Amino acid sequence: MMAEYPSEAKAKLQLKHDWYQTEEAVVITVLVKNVIHEFLKVGITEANVAVDISLPDFEECNLCFNLSHKVIPESSSYKLTPSKIEIKLKKTEGIRWEKLEGVPSSEGIKAIPQEPVPQLSGPPSYPTSKKGKDWSAVEKEIKKQEEQEKPEGEEAINKLFQEIYGKGSDEVKKAMNKSYMESGGTVLSTNWNEICKQKVEVKPPDGMEFKKWND
């Protein structure tokens, strides 16, 4: 009886792959040397690419790419050269692939339909969750209330001076400007006949002393 000897283990095939894309196609490049058509099988479907290499002196090699987007199999092809297998896949859409394999993060997400925005001839009304609410009228009411509010303290004094200046004659305005500037903001007079005769002296409030910036 003859002894049986185990067959020698076959070497693993050395290969690697990469991919790139154009606007119309995705190209997978499998870098492997000295493969002939007799020992190569490439299968292309709309969602997968299978590459089977069965060289006699090497272990059988099977590659499978689960594509992240669908392709058009009948418009796709492959080319074999002494140094590589080039697989050209026709895109179904002219979009940029973020990755070769896997489900894209945007898949299954549908756009939420937007309600049409009416074209208005006048200023737009403010949005509201309650129908029939006129926000333009609300805005007018708020402005009316603000106008009716009475200012207090320094704000009231400033508003009074503004009203006097706005309604005053040219002589009143000249008197107010001259007295305010010459007194360093401590005197404000509307009597031009009195103010025009001489320079207005500084009159700081009681208990305070006036000093220039360069003193």
C-alpha atoms as a PDB file:
ATOM      1  CA  MET A   1       0.000   0.000   0.000  1.00  0.00           C
ATOM      2  CA  MET A   2       1.410   3.354  -1.048  1.00  0.00           C
ATOM      3  CA  ALA A   3       1.534   6.193   1.487  1.00  0.00           C
ATOM      4  CA  GLU A   4      -0.387   9.390   0.704  1.00  0.00           C
ATOM      5  CA  TYR A   5       1.466  12.660   1.060  1.00  0.00           C
ATOM      6  CA  PRO A   6      -0.397  15.959   1.637  1.00  0.00           C
ATOM      7  CA  SER A   7      -0.253  18.369  -1.266  1.00  0.00           C
ATOM      8  CA  GLU A   8       1.874  21.454  -0.836  1.00  0.00           C
ATOM      9  CA  ALA A   9       0.048  24.549   0.387  1.00  0.00           C
ATOM     10  CA  LYS A  10      -0.456  27.119  -2.330  1.00  0.00           C
ATOM     11  CA  ALA A  11       0.811  30.680  -1.932  1.00  0.00           C
ATOM     12  CA  LYS A  12      -1.560  33.566  -1.399  1.00  0.00           C
ATOM     13  CA  LEU A  13      -1.986  35.917  -4.302  1.00  0.00           C
ATOM     14  CA  GLN A  14      -0.506  39.363  -3.672  1.00  0.00           C
ATOM     15  CA  LEU A  15      -2.905  42.076  -4.721  1.00  0.00           C
ATOM     16  CA  LYS A  16      -4.413  45.367  -3.642  1.00  0.00           C
ATOM     17  CA  HIS A  17      -7.133  47.612  -4.952  1.00  0.00           C
ATOM     18  CA  ASP A  18      -8.075  51.276  -5.173  1.00  0.00           C
ATOM     19  CA  TRP A  19     -10.784  53.379  -6.808  1.00  0.00           C
ATOM     20  CA  TYR A  20     -11.520  56.785  -8.259  1.00  0.00           C
ATOM     21  CA  GLN A  21     -14.474  58.432  -9.943  1.00  0.00           C
ATOM     22  CA  THR A  22     -15.484  60.824 -12.679  1.00  0.00           C
ATOM     23  CA  GLU A  23     -18.789  62.579 -13.183  1.00  0.00           C
ATOM     24  CA  GLU A  24     -20.172  59.598 -15.109  1.00  0.00           C
ATOM     25  CA  ALA A  25     -18.317  56.538 -13.796  1.00  0.00           C
ATOM     26  CA  VAL A  26     -16.576  54.818 -10.891  1.00  0.00           C
ATOM     27  CA  VAL A  27     -13.351  52.941 -11.676  1.00  0.00           C
ATOM     28  CA  ILE A  28     -12.055  50.109  -9.444  1.00  0.00           C
ATOM     29  CA  THR A  29      -8.424  49.111 -10.035  1.00  0.00           C
ATOM     30  CA  VAL A  30      -7.225  45.717  -8.756  1.00  0.00           C
ATOM     31  CA  LEU A  31      -3.432  45.600  -8.893  1.00  0.00           C
ATOM     32  CA  VAL A  32      -2.365  42.008  -9.592  1.00  0.00           C
ATOM     33  CA  LYS A  33       0.238  40.622 -11.997  1.00  0.00           C
ATOM     34  CA  ASN A  34       0.120  37.966 -14.708  1.00  0.00           C
ATOM     35  CA  VAL A  35      -3.583  37.095 -14.581  1.00  0.00           C
ATOM     36  CA  ILE A  36      -5.045  35.722 -17.806  1.00  0.00           C
ATOM     37  CA  HIS A  37      -8.689  35.650 -18.921  1.00  0.00           C
ATOM     38  CA  GLU A  38      -8.918  31.874 -18.464  1.00  0.00           C
ATOM     39  CA  PHE A  39      -8.548  32.205 -14.701  1.00  0.00           C
ATOM     40  CA  LEU A  40     -10.512  35.436 -14.185  1.00  0.00           C
ATOM     41  CA  LYS A  41     -14.230  35.989 -13.655  1.00  0.00           C
ATOM     42  CA  VAL A  42     -15.782  39.435 -13.093  1.00  0.00           C
ATOM     43  CA  GLY A  43     -19.468  39.779 -12.233  1.00  0.00           C
ATOM     44  CA  ILE A  44     -21.209  43.158 -12.175  1.00  0.00           C
ATOM     45  CA  THR A  45     -24.724  43.807 -10.857  1.00  0.00           C
ATOM     46  CA  GLU A  46     -26.379  47.110 -10.020  1.00  0.00           C
ATOM     47  CA  ALA A  47     -25.292  46.835  -6.367  1.00  0.00           C
ATOM     48  CA  ASN A  48     -22.244  44.511  -6.329  1.00  0.00           C
ATOM     49  CA  VAL A  49     -19.004  43.686  -8.100  1.00  0.00           C
ATOM     50  CA  ALA A  50     -17.429  40.215  -7.707  1.00  0.00           C
ATOM     51  CA  VAL A  51     -13.890  39.358  -8.825  1.00  0.00           C
ATOM     52  CA  ASP A  52     -12.760  35.688  -8.767  1.00  0.00           C
ATOM     53  CA  ILE A  53      -9.146  34.793  -9.589  1.00  0.00           C
ATOM     54  CA  SER A  54      -8.116  31.103  -9.696  1.00  0.00           C
ATOM     55  CA  LEU A  55      -4.483  30.842 -10.784  1.00  0.00           C
ATOM     56  CA  PRO A  56      -3.131  27.234 -10.635  1.00  0.00           C
ATOM     57  CA  ASP A  57      -0.159  28.066  -8.397  1.00  0.00           C
ATOM     58  CA  PHE A  58      -2.056  30.277  -5.937  1.00  0.00           C
ATOM     59  CA  GLU A  59      -4.982  30.064  -3.580  1.00  0.00           C
ATOM     60  CA  GLU A  60      -8.270  31.073  -5.114  1.00  0.00           C
ATOM     61  CA  CYS A  61      -8.984  34.760  -4.472  1.00  0.00           C
ATOM     62  CA  ASN A  62     -12.502  36.203  -4.220  1.00  0.00           C
ATOM     63  CA  LEU A  63     -13.230  39.918  -3.957  1.00  0.00           C
ATOM     64  CA  CYS A  64     -16.699  41.348  -3.467  1.00  0.00           C
ATOM     65  CA  PHE A  65     -17.549  45.060  -3.440  1.00  0.00           C
ATOM     66  CA  ASN A  66     -20.934  46.076  -2.007  1.00  0.00           C
ATOM     67  CA  LEU A  67     -21.399  49.396  -3.752  1.00  0.00           C
ATOM     68  CA  SER A  68     -22.696  52.442  -1.895  1.00  0.00           C
ATOM     69  CA  HIS A  69     -24.755  53.510  -4.956  1.00  0.00           C
ATOM     70  CA  LYS A  70     -26.368  51.632  -7.801  1.00  0.00           C
ATOM     71  CA  VAL A  71     -24.702  51.310 -11.201  1.00  0.00           C
ATOM     72  CA  ILE A  72     -25.815  50.272 -14.701  1.00  0.00           C
ATOM     73  CA  PRO A  73     -24.388  46.757 -15.328  1.00  0.00           C
ATOM     74  CA  GLU A  74     -25.038  46.666 -19.084  1.00  0.00           C
ATOM     75  CA  SER A  75     -23.088  49.926 -19.511  1.00  0.00           C
ATOM     76  CA  SER A  76     -20.201  48.801 -17.285  1.00  0.00           C
ATOM     77  CA  SER A  77     -17.094  46.828 -18.314  1.00  0.00           C
ATOM     78  CA  TYR A  78     -13.641  45.654 -17.266  1.00  0.00           C
ATOM     79  CA  LYS A  79     -10.193  45.514 -18.837  1.00  0.00           C
ATOM     80  CA  LEU A  80      -7.339  43.128 -18.047  1.00  0.00           C
ATOM     81  CA  THR A  81      -3.672  44.072 -18.423  1.00  0.00           C
ATOM     82  CA  PRO A  82      -0.471  42.265 -17.269  1.00  0.00           C
ATOM     83  CA  SER A  83      -0.392  44.396 -14.102  1.00  0.00           C
ATOM     84  CA  LYS A  84      -4.004  45.114 -13.198  1.00  0.00           C
ATOM     85  CA  ILE A  85      -7.745  44.601 -13.628  1.00  0.00           C
ATOM     86  CA  GLU A  86      -9.609  47.826 -14.339  1.00  0.00           C
ATOM     87  CA  ILE A  87     -13.395  47.778 -13.741  1.00  0.00           C
ATOM     88  CA  LYS A  88     -15.384  50.740 -15.044  1.00  0.00           C
ATOM     89  CA  LEU A  89     -18.886  51.137 -13.549  1.00  0.00           C
ATOM     90  CA  LYS A  90     -21.467  53.421 -15.130  1.00  0.00           C
ATOM     91  CA  LYS A  91     -23.212  55.650 -12.551  1.00  0.00           C
ATOM     92  CA  THR A  92     -27.010  55.834 -12.535  1.00  0.00           C
ATOM     93  CA  GLU A  93     -26.770  59.439 -11.323  1.00  0.00           C
ATOM     94  CA  GLY A  94     -24.114  62.070 -11.857  1.00  0.00           C
ATOM     95  CA  ILE A  95     -23.456  62.515  -8.136  1.00  0.00           C
ATOM     96  CA  ARG A  96     -20.225  62.324  -6.151  1.00  0.00           C
ATOM     97  CA  TRP A  97     -19.755  59.109  -4.177  1.00  0.00           C
ATOM     98  CA  GLU A  98     -18.492  59.670  -0.631  1.00  0.00           C
ATOM     99  CA  LYS A  99     -17.261  56.077  -0.447  1.00  0.00           C
ATOM    100  CA  LEU A 100     -17.044  52.980  -2.654  1.00  0.00           C
ATOM    101  CA  GLU A 101     -18.849  50.534  -0.360  1.00  0.00           C
ATOM    102  CA  GLY A 102     -21.637  50.740   2.184  1.00  0.00           C
ATOM    103  CA  VAL A 103     -24.937  52.571   2.499  1.00  0.00           C
ATOM    104  CA  PRO A 104     -24.590  56.359   2.163  1.00  0.00           C
ATOM    105  CA  SER A 105     -25.759  58.338   5.209  1.00  0.00           C
ATOM    106  CA  SER A 106     -28.267  60.270   3.116  1.00  0.00           C
ATOM    107  CA  GLU A 107     -30.035  57.163   1.804  1.00  0.00           C
ATOM    108  CA  GLY A 108     -33.587  56.788   3.032  1.00  0.00           C
ATOM    109  CA  ILE A 109     -33.887  60.433   4.052  1.00  0.00           C
ATOM    110  CA  LYS A 110     -36.640  62.187   2.161  1.00  0.00           C
ATOM    111  CA  ALA A 111     -36.972  65.915   1.805  1.00  0.00           C
ATOM    112  CA  ILE A 112     -39.818  67.431   3.803  1.00  0.00           C
ATOM    113  CA  PRO A 113     -42.192  69.215   1.427  1.00  0.00           C
ATOM    114  CA  GLN A 114     -42.383  72.954   1.987  1.00  0.00           C
ATOM    115  CA  GLU A 115     -45.634  74.874   1.854  1.00  0.00           C
ATOM    116  CA  PRO A 116     -45.637  77.483  -0.923  1.00  0.00           C
ATOM    117  CA  VAL A 117     -44.904  81.015   0.267  1.00  0.00           C
ATOM    118  CA  PRO A 118     -47.542  83.489  -0.976  1.00  0.00           C
ATOM    119  CA  GLN A 119     -46.290  86.548  -2.832  1.00  0.00           C
ATOM    120  CA  LEU A 120     -47.459  89.705  -1.053  1.00  0.00           C
ATOM    121  CA  SER A 121     -47.612  93.209  -2.492  1.00  0.00           C
ATOM    122  CA  GLY A 122     -47.157  94.857   0.909  1.00  0.00           C
ATOM    123  CA  PRO A 123     -44.779  94.140   3.823  1.00  0.00           C
ATOM    124  CA  PRO A 124     -44.883  90.513   5.002  1.00  0.00           C
ATOM    125  CA  SER A 125     -46.849  89.611   8.085  1.00  0.00           C
ATOM    126  CA  TYR A 126     -44.987  87.883  10.925  1.00  0.00           C
ATOM    127  CA  PRO A 127     -45.371  84.084  11.087  1.00  0.00           C
ATOM    128  CA  THR A 128     -47.704  82.631  13.656  1.00  0.00           C
ATOM    129  CA  SER A 129     -48.991  79.258  14.758  1.00  0.00           C
ATOM    130  CA  LYS A 130     -52.542  80.621  15.050  1.00  0.00           C
ATOM    131  CA  LYS A 131     -54.425  81.413  11.898  1.00  0.00           C
ATOM    132  CA  GLY A 132     -55.997  84.839  11.607  1.00  0.00           C
ATOM    133  CA  LYS A 133     -53.454  86.610  13.870  1.00  0.00           C
ATOM    134  CA  ASP A 134     -52.428  89.950  12.363  1.00  0.00           C
ATOM    135  CA  TRP A 135     -48.903  90.516  13.612  1.00  0.00           C
ATOM    136  CA  SER A 136     -48.611  93.799  11.702  1.00  0.00           C
ATOM    137  CA  ALA A 137     -51.392  95.215  13.881  1.00  0.00           C
ATOM    138  CA  VAL A 138     -49.629  93.926  16.999  1.00  0.00           C
ATOM    139  CA  GLU A 139     -46.400  95.670  15.941  1.00  0.00           C
ATOM    140  CA  LYS A 140     -48.278  98.963  15.421  1.00  0.00           C
ATOM    141  CA  GLU A 141     -49.848  98.657  18.864  1.00  0.00           C
ATOM    142  CA  ILE A 142     -46.448  98.103  20.496  1.00  0.00           C
ATOM    143  CA  LYS A 143     -45.021 101.185  18.766  1.00  0.00           C
ATOM    144  CA  LYS A 144     -48.030 103.217  19.892  1.00  0.00           C
ATOM    145  CA  GLN A 145     -47.504 102.145  23.498  1.00  0.00           C
ATOM    146  CA  GLU A 146     -43.812 103.047  23.301  1.00  0.00           C
ATOM    147  CA  GLU A 147     -44.692 106.533  22.053  1.00  0.00           C
ATOM    148  CA  GLN A 148     -47.163 107.006  24.909  1.00  0.00           C
ATOM    149  CA  GLU A 149     -44.628 106.018  27.571  1.00  0.00           C
ATOM    150  CA  LYS A 150     -43.360 109.099  29.426  1.00  0.00           C
ATOM    151  CA  PRO A 151     -39.570 109.332  29.775  1.00  0.00           C
ATOM    152  CA  GLU A 152     -38.110 110.009  33.193  1.00  0.00           C
ATOM    153  CA  GLY A 153     -34.990 111.707  34.621  1.00  0.00           C
ATOM    154  CA  GLU A 154     -32.174 112.559  32.230  1.00  0.00           C
ATOM    155  CA  GLU A 155     -34.013 110.907  29.332  1.00  0.00           C
ATOM    156  CA  ALA A 156     -36.944 113.284  29.833  1.00  0.00           C
ATOM    157  CA  ILE A 157     -34.637 116.332  29.904  1.00  0.00           C
ATOM    158  CA  ASN A 158     -32.843 115.261  26.729  1.00  0.00           C
ATOM    159  CA  LYS A 159     -36.143 114.693  24.974  1.00  0.00           C
ATOM    160  CA  LEU A 160     -37.355 118.141  26.039  1.00  0.00           C
ATOM    161  CA  PHE A 161     -34.206 119.804  24.695  1.00  0.00           C
ATOM    162  CA  GLN A 162     -34.578 117.915  21.434  1.00  0.00           C
ATOM    163  CA  GLU A 163     -38.161 119.134  21.034  1.00  0.00           C
ATOM    164  CA  ILE A 164     -37.168 122.731  21.800  1.00  0.00           C
ATOM    165  CA  TYR A 165     -34.271 122.606  19.350  1.00  0.00           C
ATOM    166  CA  GLY A 166     -36.383 120.973  16.644  1.00  0.00           C
ATOM    167  CA  LYS A 167     -39.238 123.503  16.919  1.00  0.00           C
ATOM    168  CA  GLY A 168     -37.100 126.574  17.709  1.00  0.00           C
ATOM    169  CA  SER A 169     -36.127 129.433  15.409  1.00  0.00           C
ATOM    170  CA  ASP A 170     -32.652 129.960  14.012  1.00  0.00           C
ATOM    171  CA  GLU A 171     -31.818 132.317  16.898  1.00  0.00           C
ATOM    172  CA  VAL A 172     -32.943 129.736  19.459  1.00  0.00           C
ATOM    173  CA  LYS A 173     -30.780 127.055  17.820  1.00  0.00           C
ATOM    174  CA  LYS A 174     -27.760 129.402  17.688  1.00  0.00           C
ATOM    175  CA  ALA A 175     -28.208 130.266  21.352  1.00  0.00           C
ATOM    176  CA  MET A 176     -28.430 126.623  22.371  1.00  0.00           C
ATOM    177  CA  ASN A 177     -25.361 125.636  20.339  1.00  0.00           C
ATOM    178  CA  LYS A 178     -23.221 128.596  21.556  1.00  0.00           C
ATOM    179  CA  SER A 179     -24.133 128.216  25.217  1.00  0.00           C
ATOM    180  CA  TYR A 180     -23.631 124.456  25.209  1.00  0.00           C
ATOM    181  CA  MET A 181     -20.247 124.522  23.440  1.00  0.00           C
ATOM    182  CA  GLU A 182     -18.716 127.480  25.355  1.00  0.00           C
ATOM    183  CA  SER A 183     -19.853 126.223  28.748  1.00  0.00           C
ATOM    184  CA  GLY A 184     -18.574 122.690  28.234  1.00  0.00           C
ATOM    185  CA  GLY A 185     -22.104 121.309  28.323  1.00  0.00           C
ATOM    186  CA  THR A 186     -22.987 122.962  31.666  1.00  0.00           C
ATOM    187  CA  VAL A 187     -25.247 125.757  30.286  1.00  0.00           C
ATOM    188  CA  LEU A 188     -28.031 125.554  27.710  1.00  0.00           C
ATOM    189  CA  SER A 189     -29.829 128.767  26.845  1.00  0.00           C
ATOM    190  CA  THR A 190     -32.429 129.700  24.225  1.00  0.00           C
ATOM    191  CA  ASN A 191     -32.020 133.517  24.597  1.00  0.00           C
ATOM    192  CA  TRP A 192     -29.832 134.627  21.721  1.00  0.00           C
ATOM    193  CA  ASN A 193     -29.971 138.324  22.672  1.00  0.00           C
ATOM    194  CA  GLU A 194     -28.321 137.475  25.987  1.00  0.00           C
ATOM    195  CA  ILE A 195     -25.929 134.759  24.801  1.00  0.00           C
ATOM    196  CA  CYS A 196     -24.536 136.683  21.805  1.00  0.00           C
ATOM    197  CA  LYS A 197     -23.076 139.511  23.971  1.00  0.00           C
ATOM    198  CA  GLN A 198     -20.284 137.557  25.647  1.00  0.00           C
ATOM    199  CA  LYS A 199     -18.683 134.155  26.115  1.00  0.00           C
ATOM    200  CA  VAL A 200     -20.716 131.765  28.227  1.00  0.00           C
ATOM    201  CA  GLU A 201     -18.892 130.787  31.422  1.00  0.00           C
ATOM    202  CA  VAL A 202     -18.692 127.223  32.670  1.00  0.00           C
ATOM    203  CA  LYS A 203     -21.165 126.550  35.487  1.00  0.00           C
ATOM    204  CA  PRO A 204     -20.683 123.053  36.921  1.00  0.00           C
ATOM    205  CA  PRO A 205     -23.329 121.633  39.308  1.00  0.00           C
ATOM    206  CA  ASP A 206     -23.057 122.446  43.004  1.00  0.00           C
ATOM    207  CA  GLY A 207     -20.284 120.549  44.751  1.00  0.00           C
ATOM    208  CA  MET A 208     -18.420 119.783  41.507  1.00  0.00           C
ATOM    209  CA  GLU A 209     -15.327 121.347  39.923  1.00  0.00           C
ATOM    210  CA  PHE A 210     -14.772 121.780  36.182  1.00  0.00           C
ATOM    211  CA  LYS A 211     -11.355 120.725  34.807  1.00  0.00           C
ATOM    212  CA  LYS A 212     -10.045 120.503  31.263  1.00  0.00           C
ATOM    213  CA  TRP A 213      -8.605 117.216  29.997  1.00  0.00           C
ATOM    214  CA  ASN A 214      -5.083 118.664  29.751  1.00  0.00           C
ATOM    215  CA  ASP A 215      -5.065 119.999  33.325  1.00  0.00           C
END
